[in-house]
Amino acid sequence: MNGEAELPQLGKCGPNGVAEIAGAVRAAVVAFPGRTERERRSKERFLVELGRLDDPFDREAGPVHVTASGLVHGPRGTVLHLHKRLGLWIQPGGHIERGEVPWDAALRETEEETGLPVHHPAGGPRLVHLDAHPAALGHFHLDLRYLLLCEDVEPCPPPGESQQVRWFSLAEASAIADPGLFEGLGRLGGAGHAEC
């Protein structure tokens, strides 16, 4: 798949966790081929903030922090949910918990918000998109978006999560999704499901 960044195989954050994970994220962002003006601006903002923030994953440290989300790909296209606060159709994702690596956060958040049994491709986590944008509650998110694969399973979000979650063809998703997701959805068009 074009336009993805390979990530090192790191587990949970250890004694040097924040610095190690921030270094891995920085390397993936540097390697990310921003094709559009928005992607290039987002990449630049990521690099500035990763150099400035002591703990870029701590949402309590300030309004700017790294988040993680999943671009779900399966036989029926992709999965979006109607965000409860924003009222926008977007990919599942959210904040990174203390001691968690971003690609694990993408899995956890996607499973929590959709009820789907998602997984990374066989070769490991793949960063396929990134976006820097204002978010709810005065936050500014540096969102890392990972390819997550899923079989043909119906979403089943638990109580408390948005119940408006469903599969969309890539064309349908592109027509309804938040504009900040367009480039990421375009990158799914080349994702072969044979990698499951």
Protein backbone atom coordinates (compact mmCIF):
# COMPACT_ATOMS: atom_id res chain seq x y z
CA MET A 1 0.00 0.00 0.00
CA ASN A 2 1.44 3.39 -0.89
CA GLY A 3 1.70 6.19 1.62
CA GLU A 4 2.20 4.26 4.82
CA ALA A 5 4.91 4.35 7.43
CA GLU A 6 6.32 1.19 8.99
CA LEU A 7 6.49 1.19 12.78
CA PRO A 8 8.91 -0.57 15.09
CA GLN A 9 7.61 -3.49 17.11
CA LEU A 10 7.36 -1.88 20.54
CA GLY A 11 5.24 -3.09 23.39
CA LYS A 12 3.91 -1.10 26.30
CA CYS A 13 5.89 1.90 27.50
CA GLY A 14 8.80 0.92 29.72
CA PRO A 15 11.09 3.04 31.93
CA ASN A 16 12.06 5.21 28.95
CA GLY A 17 8.62 4.71 27.45
CA VAL A 18 7.53 8.22 26.57
CA ALA A 19 10.82 9.11 24.91
CA GLU A 20 11.02 5.75 23.13
CA ILE A 21 7.46 5.90 21.84
CA ALA A 22 7.75 9.59 20.93
CA GLY A 23 10.90 8.72 18.97
CA ALA A 24 9.10 5.92 17.13
CA VAL A 25 6.17 8.22 16.34
CA ARG A 26 8.54 10.97 15.16
CA ALA A 27 10.30 8.52 12.83
CA ALA A 28 6.95 7.35 11.41
CA VAL A 29 5.79 10.94 10.88
CA VAL A 30 9.07 11.88 9.18
CA ALA A 31 8.68 8.87 6.87
CA PHE A 32 5.03 9.65 6.13
CA PRO A 33 4.66 10.89 2.53
CA GLY A 34 2.33 13.88 2.83
CA ARG A 35 0.72 14.16 -0.61
CA THR A 36 -1.72 16.99 -0.07
CA GLU A 37 -1.32 20.46 1.41
CA ARG A 38 -3.34 19.44 4.49
CA GLU A 39 -1.16 16.37 5.03
CA ARG A 40 2.02 18.42 4.66
CA ARG A 41 0.76 21.05 7.14
CA SER A 42 -0.29 18.31 9.56
CA LYS A 43 3.07 16.60 9.28
CA GLU A 44 4.85 19.89 9.98
CA ARG A 45 2.66 20.58 13.04
CA PHE A 46 3.29 17.04 14.34
CA LEU A 47 7.04 17.51 14.13
CA VAL A 48 6.93 20.92 15.83
CA GLU A 49 4.76 19.62 18.69
CA LEU A 50 6.70 16.36 19.12
CA GLY A 51 9.83 18.49 19.57
CA ARG A 52 8.11 20.83 22.03
CA LEU A 53 5.98 18.60 24.27
CA ASP A 54 7.52 16.72 27.20
CA ASP A 55 4.82 14.05 27.00
CA PRO A 56 2.92 14.39 23.72
CA PHE A 57 0.53 11.58 24.71
CA ASP A 58 -0.71 13.15 27.99
CA ARG A 59 -4.06 14.84 27.44
CA GLU A 60 -3.88 16.33 30.96
CA ALA A 61 -0.60 18.17 30.23
CA GLY A 62 -2.19 20.65 27.86
CA PRO A 63 -4.65 21.07 25.02
CA VAL A 64 -2.25 19.74 22.33
CA HIS A 65 -1.67 15.98 22.39
CA VAL A 66 -1.33 12.91 20.19
CA THR A 67 -4.40 10.75 19.64
CA ALA A 68 -4.86 7.51 17.72
CA SER A 69 -7.59 6.18 15.50
CA GLY A 70 -8.36 3.30 13.18
CA LEU A 71 -9.18 3.36 9.51
CA VAL A 72 -11.10 0.11 9.37
CA HIS A 73 -10.91 -1.80 6.10
CA GLY A 74 -12.92 -4.89 5.26
CA PRO A 75 -14.93 -6.61 2.55
CA ARG A 76 -17.74 -4.02 2.83
CA GLY A 77 -15.50 -0.94 2.75
CA THR A 78 -14.82 1.06 5.88
CA VAL A 79 -16.52 1.78 9.20
CA LEU A 80 -17.47 5.25 10.41
CA HIS A 81 -19.42 6.41 13.43
CA LEU A 82 -21.39 9.56 14.08
CA HIS A 83 -19.38 11.33 16.79
CA LYS A 84 -21.62 12.15 19.76
CA ARG A 85 -20.17 15.61 20.48
CA LEU A 86 -19.13 16.73 17.02
CA GLY A 87 -22.08 15.40 15.01
CA LEU A 88 -19.68 14.32 12.24
CA TRP A 89 -19.14 10.94 10.58
CA ILE A 90 -15.54 10.04 11.43
CA GLN A 91 -13.27 7.07 12.06
CA PRO A 92 -13.23 5.53 15.55
CA GLY A 93 -10.41 6.64 17.82
CA GLY A 94 -9.46 8.76 20.77
CA HIS A 95 -7.03 9.49 23.54
CA ILE A 96 -4.02 7.35 24.38
CA GLU A 97 -3.96 5.92 27.91
CA ARG A 98 -0.88 6.25 30.12
CA GLY A 99 1.63 3.54 29.23
CA GLU A 100 -0.12 2.68 25.94
CA VAL A 101 1.46 2.92 22.50
CA PRO A 102 -0.58 4.76 19.84
CA TRP A 103 -1.15 1.73 17.60
CA ASP A 104 -2.56 -0.24 20.56
CA ALA A 105 -4.75 2.76 21.44
CA ALA A 106 -6.14 2.70 17.88
CA LEU A 107 -7.14 -0.96 18.34
CA ARG A 108 -8.64 -0.41 21.78
CA GLU A 109 -10.58 2.72 20.82
CA THR A 110 -11.92 1.11 17.65
CA GLU A 111 -13.06 -2.01 19.50
CA GLU A 112 -14.61 0.09 22.30
CA GLU A 113 -16.49 2.39 19.94
CA THR A 114 -17.66 -0.13 17.34
CA GLY A 115 -17.67 -3.55 19.00
CA LEU A 116 -15.75 -4.89 16.00
CA PRO A 117 -12.93 -7.47 16.29
CA VAL A 118 -10.27 -5.47 14.43
CA HIS A 119 -6.58 -6.25 14.04
CA HIS A 120 -3.44 -4.83 12.51
CA PRO A 121 -2.21 -6.26 9.18
CA ALA A 122 0.00 -9.35 9.37
CA GLY A 123 3.17 -7.28 9.02
CA GLY A 124 2.33 -5.15 12.06
CA PRO A 125 0.87 -1.69 12.62
CA ARG A 126 0.74 0.63 9.60
CA LEU A 127 0.37 4.38 9.85
CA VAL A 128 -1.68 5.28 6.77
CA HIS A 129 -2.76 8.82 7.57
CA LEU A 130 -2.24 11.65 10.02
CA ASP A 131 -4.08 14.86 10.69
CA ALA A 132 -3.62 17.85 13.01
CA HIS A 133 -6.89 19.59 13.90
CA PRO A 134 -8.88 21.40 16.58
CA ALA A 135 -11.07 19.01 18.58
CA ALA A 136 -13.85 19.07 21.18
CA LEU A 137 -13.37 20.65 24.62
CA GLY A 138 -10.67 23.05 23.40
CA HIS A 139 -8.25 20.25 22.55
CA PHE A 140 -5.94 20.19 19.54
CA HIS A 141 -5.37 16.65 18.29
CA LEU A 142 -2.37 15.26 16.48
CA ASP A 143 -4.19 12.18 15.20
CA LEU A 144 -2.26 9.11 14.05
CA ARG A 145 -4.46 6.92 11.85
CA TYR A 146 -3.66 3.23 11.52
CA LEU A 147 -4.96 0.65 9.06
CA LEU A 148 -7.11 -1.86 10.93
CA LEU A 149 -8.59 -4.91 9.27
CA CYS A 150 -11.92 -6.56 9.98
CA GLU A 151 -13.95 -9.40 8.54
CA ASP A 152 -17.56 -8.95 7.45
CA VAL A 153 -18.98 -8.43 10.95
CA GLU A 154 -21.80 -6.09 11.90
CA PRO A 155 -20.79 -3.27 14.29
CA CYS A 156 -22.19 -3.64 17.80
CA PRO A 157 -21.27 -0.57 19.85
CA PRO A 158 -21.75 -0.94 23.61
CA PRO A 159 -24.08 1.31 25.60
CA GLY A 160 -22.64 4.78 26.13
CA GLU A 161 -20.99 4.87 22.70
CA SER A 162 -22.55 6.31 19.56
CA GLN A 163 -25.05 3.77 18.26
CA GLN A 164 -24.74 5.19 14.77
CA VAL A 165 -21.90 3.01 13.50
CA ARG A 166 -21.93 1.29 10.13
CA TRP A 167 -20.04 0.06 7.12
CA PHE A 168 -19.74 2.43 4.15
CA SER A 169 -18.34 1.86 0.70
CA LEU A 170 -15.31 4.08 0.21
CA ALA A 171 -17.32 6.30 -2.15
CA GLU A 172 -20.15 6.64 0.42
CA ALA A 173 -17.67 7.35 3.21
CA SER A 174 -15.92 10.01 1.16
CA ALA A 175 -19.26 11.71 0.51
CA ILE A 176 -20.34 11.81 4.17
CA ALA A 177 -17.14 11.95 6.26
CA ASP A 178 -15.47 14.95 7.80
CA PRO A 179 -13.18 16.54 5.16
CA GLY A 180 -10.13 15.90 7.35
CA LEU A 181 -10.58 12.21 6.64
CA PHE A 182 -10.66 12.37 2.81
CA GLU A 183 -6.98 11.64 2.24
CA GLY A 184 -7.05 8.73 4.68
CA LEU A 185 -10.07 7.19 2.99
CA GLY A 186 -8.32 7.58 -0.35
CA ARG A 187 -5.39 5.57 1.00
CA LEU A 188 -7.74 2.70 1.89
CA GLY A 189 -8.58 2.31 -1.78
CA GLY A 190 -5.28 0.48 -2.28
CA ALA A 191 -5.51 -1.71 0.83
CA GLY A 192 -5.91 -5.32 -0.14
CA HIS A 193 -8.00 -7.37 2.26
CA ALA A 194 -5.81 -10.39 1.51
CA GLU A 195 -3.45 -9.14 4.23
CA CYS A 196 -5.82 -10.27 7.01
